[in-house]
């Protein structure tokens, strides 16, 4: 799965719209890129064995 952090950083550094004699170029809004990044991170977290949750049994000292 590609790492979108570099893409988001590049998109934030470039202008949102460019107009030249050849035509116009628009990029996706940054909030859409961030939502896409959050979706992919959540998707990769869901494929992990523990799925973001870990259960541990706490035993106070002095008890068996």
PDB file of N, CA and C in Angstrom:
ATOM      1  N   UNK A   1       0.848  -1.170   0.000  1.00  0.00           N
ATOM      2  CA  UNK A   1       0.000   0.000   0.000  1.00  0.00           C
ATOM      3  C   UNK A   1       0.896   1.236   0.000  1.00  0.00           C
ATOM      4  N   UNK A   2       0.604   2.173  -0.870  1.00  0.00           N
ATOM      5  CA  UNK A   2       1.468   3.352  -0.964  1.00  0.00           C
ATOM      6  C   UNK A   2       1.330   4.262   0.244  1.00  0.00           C
ATOM      7  N   UNK A   3       2.402   4.950   0.532  1.00  0.00           N
ATOM      8  CA  UNK A   3       2.411   5.909   1.631  1.00  0.00           C
ATOM      9  C   UNK A   3       1.945   7.257   1.092  1.00  0.00           C
ATOM     10  N   UNK A   4       0.807   7.743   1.576  1.00  0.00           N
ATOM     11  CA  UNK A   4       0.239   8.993   1.077  1.00  0.00           C
ATOM     12  C   UNK A   4       0.777  10.226   1.780  1.00  0.00           C
ATOM     13  N   UNK A   5       1.601  10.052   2.787  1.00  0.00           N
ATOM     14  CA  UNK A   5       2.099  11.215   3.511  1.00  0.00           C
ATOM     15  C   UNK A   5       2.924  12.123   2.594  1.00  0.00           C
ATOM     16  N   UNK A   6       3.704  11.538   1.694  1.00  0.00           N
ATOM     17  CA  UNK A   6       4.475  12.349   0.747  1.00  0.00           C
ATOM     18  C   UNK A   6       3.553  13.035  -0.259  1.00  0.00           C
ATOM     19  N   UNK A   7       2.502  12.355  -0.683  1.00  0.00           N
ATOM     20  CA  UNK A   7       1.552  12.934  -1.626  1.00  0.00           C
ATOM     21  C   UNK A   7       0.829  14.114  -1.005  1.00  0.00           C
ATOM     22  N   UNK A   8       0.422  13.965   0.241  1.00  0.00           N
ATOM     23  CA  UNK A   8      -0.266  15.049   0.945  1.00  0.00           C
ATOM     24  C   UNK A   8       0.672  16.229   1.126  1.00  0.00           C
ATOM     25  N   UNK A   9       1.912  15.950   1.475  1.00  0.00           N
ATOM     26  CA  UNK A   9       2.891  17.026   1.649  1.00  0.00           C
ATOM     27  C   UNK A   9       3.137  17.756   0.334  1.00  0.00           C
ATOM     28  N   UNK A  10       3.236  17.022  -0.765  1.00  0.00           N
ATOM     29  CA  UNK A  10       3.438  17.635  -2.081  1.00  0.00           C
ATOM     30  C   UNK A  10       2.219  18.455  -2.493  1.00  0.00           C
ATOM     31  N   UNK A  11       1.018  17.913  -2.244  1.00  0.00           N
ATOM     32  CA  UNK A  11      -0.206  18.621  -2.613  1.00  0.00           C
ATOM     33  C   UNK A  11      -0.364  19.902  -1.802  1.00  0.00           C
ATOM     34  N   UNK A  12       0.089  19.893  -0.559  1.00  0.00           N
ATOM     35  CA  UNK A  12      -0.011  21.091   0.275  1.00  0.00           C
ATOM     36  C   UNK A  12       0.965  22.168  -0.194  1.00  0.00           C
ATOM     37  N   UNK A  13       2.073  21.768  -0.781  1.00  0.00           N
ATOM     38  CA  UNK A  13       3.087  22.729  -1.212  1.00  0.00           C
ATOM     39  C   UNK A  13       2.785  23.328  -2.586  1.00  0.00           C
ATOM     40  N   UNK A  14       1.958  22.657  -3.377  1.00  0.00           N
ATOM     41  CA  UNK A  14       1.660  23.151  -4.716  1.00  0.00           C
ATOM     42  C   UNK A  14       0.375  23.967  -4.708  1.00  0.00           C
ATOM     43  N   UNK A  15       0.210  24.859  -5.683  1.00  0.00           N
ATOM     44  CA  UNK A  15      -1.023  25.652  -5.740  1.00  0.00           C
ATOM     45  C   UNK A  15      -2.227  24.779  -6.078  1.00  0.00           C
ATOM     46  N   UNK A  16      -3.418  25.233  -5.639  1.00  0.00           N
ATOM     47  CA  UNK A  16      -4.634  24.460  -5.869  1.00  0.00           C
ATOM     48  C   UNK A  16      -5.081  24.551  -7.321  1.00  0.00           C
ATOM     49  N   UNK A  17      -4.808  25.675  -7.987  1.00  0.00           N
ATOM     50  CA  UNK A  17      -5.243  25.833  -9.366  1.00  0.00           C
ATOM     51  C   UNK A  17      -4.174  26.600 -10.145  1.00  0.00           C
ATOM     52  N   UNK A  18      -3.891  26.137 -11.348  1.00  0.00           N
ATOM     53  CA  UNK A  18      -2.902  26.768 -12.210  1.00  0.00           C
ATOM     54  C   UNK A  18      -3.567  27.073 -13.543  1.00  0.00           C
ATOM     55  N   UNK A  19      -3.387  28.297 -14.004  1.00  0.00           N
ATOM     56  CA  UNK A  19      -3.945  28.700 -15.296  1.00  0.00           C
ATOM     57  C   UNK A  19      -2.811  29.156 -16.202  1.00  0.00           C
ATOM     58  N   UNK A  20      -2.753  28.566 -17.397  1.00  0.00           N
ATOM     59  CA  UNK A  20      -1.766  28.952 -18.401  1.00  0.00           C
ATOM     60  C   UNK A  20      -2.487  29.176 -19.723  1.00  0.00           C
ATOM     61  N   UNK A  21      -1.728  29.492 -20.764  1.00  0.00           N
ATOM     62  CA  UNK A  21      -2.307  29.655 -22.094  1.00  0.00           C
ATOM     63  C   UNK A  21      -2.873  28.341 -22.619  1.00  0.00           C
ATOM     64  N   UNK A  22      -2.291  27.237 -22.148  1.00  0.00           N
ATOM     65  CA  UNK A  22      -2.735  25.911 -22.586  1.00  0.00           C
ATOM     66  C   UNK A  22      -4.066  25.519 -21.944  1.00  0.00           C
ATOM     67  N   UNK A  23      -4.342  25.974 -20.729  1.00  0.00           N
ATOM     68  CA  UNK A  23      -5.583  25.601 -20.046  1.00  0.00           C
ATOM     69  C   UNK A  23      -5.453  25.726 -18.545  1.00  0.00           C
ATOM     70  N   UNK A  24      -6.389  25.124 -17.838  1.00  0.00           N
ATOM     71  CA  UNK A  24      -6.421  25.169 -16.372  1.00  0.00           C
ATOM     72  C   UNK A  24      -6.103  23.793 -15.800  1.00  0.00           C
ATOM     73  N   UNK A  25      -5.497  23.798 -14.625  1.00  0.00           N
ATOM     74  CA  UNK A  25      -5.215  22.568 -13.898  1.00  0.00           C
ATOM     75  C   UNK A  25      -5.685  22.763 -12.463  1.00  0.00           C
ATOM     76  N   UNK A  26      -6.506  21.848 -11.987  1.00  0.00           N
ATOM     77  CA  UNK A  26      -6.962  21.893 -10.603  1.00  0.00           C
ATOM     78  C   UNK A  26      -6.535  20.620  -9.893  1.00  0.00           C
ATOM     79  N   UNK A  27      -6.212  20.753  -8.624  1.00  0.00           N
ATOM     80  CA  UNK A  27      -5.876  19.600  -7.807  1.00  0.00           C
ATOM     81  C   UNK A  27      -7.015  19.326  -6.848  1.00  0.00           C
ATOM     82  N   UNK A  28      -7.015  18.142  -6.299  1.00  0.00           N
ATOM     83  CA  UNK A  28      -8.033  17.814  -5.308  1.00  0.00           C
ATOM     84  C   UNK A  28      -7.825  18.652  -4.057  1.00  0.00           C
ATOM     85  N   UNK A  29      -8.920  19.020  -3.385  1.00  0.00           N
ATOM     86  CA  UNK A  29      -8.775  19.767  -2.136  1.00  0.00           C
ATOM     87  C   UNK A  29      -8.013  18.938  -1.096  1.00  0.00           C
ATOM     88  N   UNK A  30      -7.319  19.636  -0.233  1.00  0.00           N
ATOM     89  CA  UNK A  30      -6.492  18.968   0.763  1.00  0.00           C
ATOM     90  C   UNK A  30      -7.317  18.120   1.719  1.00  0.00           C
ATOM     91  N   UNK A  31      -8.521  18.565   2.053  1.00  0.00           N
ATOM     92  CA  UNK A  31      -9.344  17.774   2.970  1.00  0.00           C
ATOM     93  C   UNK A  31      -9.712  16.426   2.360  1.00  0.00           C
ATOM     94  N   UNK A  32      -9.878  16.365   1.040  1.00  0.00           N
ATOM     95  CA  UNK A  32     -10.130  15.081   0.391  1.00  0.00           C
ATOM     96  C   UNK A  32      -8.906  14.178   0.479  1.00  0.00           C
ATOM     97  N   UNK A  33      -7.713  14.749   0.325  1.00  0.00           N
ATOM     98  CA  UNK A  33      -6.494  13.942   0.441  1.00  0.00           C
ATOM     99  C   UNK A  33      -6.309  13.427   1.861  1.00  0.00           C
ATOM    100  N   UNK A  34      -6.631  14.253   2.834  1.00  0.00           N
ATOM    101  CA  UNK A  34      -6.502  13.835   4.233  1.00  0.00           C
ATOM    102  C   UNK A  34      -7.515  12.737   4.543  1.00  0.00           C
ATOM    103  N   UNK A  35      -8.730  12.868   4.052  1.00  0.00           N
ATOM    104  CA  UNK A  35      -9.732  11.829   4.264  1.00  0.00           C
ATOM    105  C   UNK A  35      -9.305  10.517   3.617  1.00  0.00           C
ATOM    106  N   UNK A  36      -8.716  10.594   2.442  1.00  0.00           N
ATOM    107  CA  UNK A  36      -8.227   9.392   1.776  1.00  0.00           C
ATOM    108  C   UNK A  36      -7.110   8.744   2.574  1.00  0.00           C
ATOM    109  N   UNK A  37      -6.219   9.558   3.119  1.00  0.00           N
ATOM    110  CA  UNK A  37      -5.122   9.034   3.931  1.00  0.00           C
ATOM    111  C   UNK A  37      -5.656   8.374   5.193  1.00  0.00           C
ATOM    112  N   UNK A  38      -6.627   8.989   5.854  1.00  0.00           N
ATOM    113  CA  UNK A  38      -7.219   8.412   7.059  1.00  0.00           C
ATOM    114  C   UNK A  38      -7.933   7.103   6.736  1.00  0.00           C
ATOM    115  N   UNK A  39      -8.617   7.051   5.609  1.00  0.00           N
ATOM    116  CA  UNK A  39      -9.294   5.824   5.203  1.00  0.00           C
ATOM    117  C   UNK A  39      -8.297   4.688   5.000  1.00  0.00           C
ATOM    118  N   UNK A  40      -7.208   4.966   4.297  1.00  0.00           N
ATOM    119  CA  UNK A  40      -6.220   3.920   4.036  1.00  0.00           C
ATOM    120  C   UNK A  40      -5.505   3.483   5.308  1.00  0.00           C
ATOM    121  N   UNK A  41      -5.254   4.418   6.228  1.00  0.00           N
ATOM    122  CA  UNK A  41      -4.641   4.040   7.493  1.00  0.00           C
ATOM    123  C   UNK A  41      -5.584   3.174   8.318  1.00  0.00           C
ATOM    124  N   UNK A  42      -6.872   3.513   8.307  1.00  0.00           N
ATOM    125  CA  UNK A  42      -7.859   2.695   9.010  1.00  0.00           C
ATOM    126  C   UNK A  42      -7.997   1.320   8.395  1.00  0.00           C
ATOM    127  N   UNK A  43      -7.923   1.264   7.081  1.00  0.00           N
ATOM    128  CA  UNK A  43      -8.013  -0.009   6.383  1.00  0.00           C
ATOM    129  C   UNK A  43      -6.820  -0.900   6.722  1.00  0.00           C
ATOM    130  N   UNK A  44      -5.639  -0.314   6.784  1.00  0.00           N
ATOM    131  CA  UNK A  44      -4.455  -1.109   7.129  1.00  0.00           C
ATOM    132  C   UNK A  44      -4.480  -1.518   8.598  1.00  0.00           C
ATOM    133  N   UNK A  45      -5.058  -0.694   9.466  1.00  0.00           N
ATOM    134  CA  UNK A  45      -5.160  -1.053  10.884  1.00  0.00           C
ATOM    135  C   UNK A  45      -6.141  -2.199  11.083  1.00  0.00           C
ATOM    136  N   UNK A  46      -7.169  -2.259  10.262  1.00  0.00           N
ATOM    137  CA  UNK A  46      -8.171  -3.318  10.391  1.00  0.00           C
ATOM    138  C   UNK A  46      -7.622  -4.668   9.961  1.00  0.00           C
ATOM    139  N   UNK A  47      -6.579  -4.683   9.153  1.00  0.00           N
ATOM    140  CA  UNK A  47      -6.015  -5.951   8.710  1.00  0.00           C
ATOM    141  C   UNK A  47      -5.012  -6.522   9.703  1.00  0.00           C
ATOM    142  N   UNK A  48      -4.651  -5.756  10.709  1.00  0.00           N
ATOM    143  CA  UNK A  48      -3.711  -6.254  11.712  1.00  0.00           C
ATOM    144  C   UNK A  48      -4.406  -7.253  12.621  1.00  0.00           C
ATOM    145  N   UNK A  49      -3.636  -8.110  13.217  1.00  0.00           N
ATOM    146  CA  UNK A  49      -4.171  -9.187  14.042  1.00  0.00           C
ATOM    147  C   UNK A  49      -4.963  -8.657  15.233  1.00  0.00           C
ATOM    148  N   UNK A  50      -4.449  -7.626  15.905  1.00  0.00           N
ATOM    149  CA  UNK A  50      -5.110  -7.138  17.108  1.00  0.00           C
ATOM    150  C   UNK A  50      -6.131  -6.046  16.828  1.00  0.00           C
ATOM    151  N   UNK A  51      -6.193  -5.544  15.594  1.00  0.00           N
ATOM    152  CA  UNK A  51      -7.168  -4.549  15.148  1.00  0.00           C
ATOM    153  C   UNK A  51      -7.258  -3.329  16.058  1.00  0.00           C
ATOM    154  N   UNK A  52      -6.158  -2.936  16.643  1.00  0.00           N
ATOM    155  CA  UNK A  52      -6.134  -1.721  17.456  1.00  0.00           C
ATOM    156  C   UNK A  52      -6.504  -1.945  18.905  1.00  0.00           C
ATOM    157  N   UNK A  53      -6.905  -3.154  19.267  1.00  0.00           N
ATOM    158  CA  UNK A  53      -7.288  -3.451  20.653  1.00  0.00           C
ATOM    159  C   UNK A  53      -6.341  -4.490  21.220  1.00  0.00           C
ATOM    160  N   UNK A  54      -5.983  -4.284  22.454  1.00  0.00           N
ATOM    161  CA  UNK A  54      -5.178  -5.274  23.160  1.00  0.00           C
ATOM    162  C   UNK A  54      -5.772  -5.461  24.540  1.00  0.00           C
ATOM    163  N   UNK A  55      -5.956  -6.684  24.915  1.00  0.00           N
ATOM    164  CA  UNK A  55      -6.493  -7.003  26.220  1.00  0.00           C
ATOM    165  C   UNK A  55      -5.380  -7.608  27.070  1.00  0.00           C
ATOM    166  N   UNK A  56      -5.237  -7.117  28.260  1.00  0.00           N
ATOM    167  CA  UNK A  56      -4.250  -7.645  29.185  1.00  0.00           C
ATOM    168  C   UNK A  56      -4.922  -7.928  30.513  1.00  0.00           C
ATOM    169  N   UNK A  57      -4.403  -8.889  31.206  1.00  0.00           N
ATOM    170  CA  UNK A  57      -4.932  -9.240  32.526  1.00  0.00           C
ATOM    171  C   UNK A  57      -3.989  -8.659  33.558  1.00  0.00           C
ATOM    172  N   UNK A  58      -4.508  -7.738  34.364  1.00  0.00           N
ATOM    173  CA  UNK A  58      -3.695  -7.111  35.394  1.00  0.00           C
ATOM    174  C   UNK A  58      -3.847  -7.884  36.692  1.00  0.00           C
ATOM    175  N   UNK A  59      -2.706  -8.245  37.253  1.00  0.00           N
ATOM    176  CA  UNK A  59      -2.690  -8.986  38.516  1.00  0.00           C
ATOM    177  C   UNK A  59      -1.979  -8.098  39.543  1.00  0.00           C
ATOM    178  N   UNK A  60      -2.704  -7.651  40.587  1.00  0.00           N
ATOM    179  CA  UNK A  60      -2.061  -6.836  41.591  1.00  0.00           C
ATOM    180  C   UNK A  60      -0.997  -7.637  42.338  1.00  0.00           C
ATOM    181  N   UNK A  61       0.067  -6.972  42.790  1.00  0.00           N
ATOM    182  CA  UNK A  61       1.111  -7.696  43.526  1.00  0.00           C
ATOM    183  C   UNK A  61       0.553  -8.242  44.833  1.00  0.00           C
ATOM    184  N   UNK A  62       1.031  -9.435  45.189  1.00  0.00           N
ATOM    185  CA  UNK A  62       0.606 -10.049  46.443  1.00  0.00           C
ATOM    186  C   UNK A  62      -0.553 -11.014  46.262  1.00  0.00           C
ATOM    187  N   UNK A  63      -1.071 -11.148  45.089  1.00  0.00           N
ATOM    188  CA  UNK A  63      -2.146 -12.117  44.846  1.00  0.00           C
ATOM    189  C   UNK A  63      -1.642 -13.181  43.900  1.00  0.00           C
ATOM    190  N   UNK A  64      -2.246 -14.317  43.947  1.00  0.00           N
ATOM    191  CA  UNK A  64      -1.796 -15.417  43.090  1.00  0.00           C
ATOM    192  C   UNK A  64      -2.828 -15.737  42.064  1.00  0.00           C
TER     193      UNK A  64
END
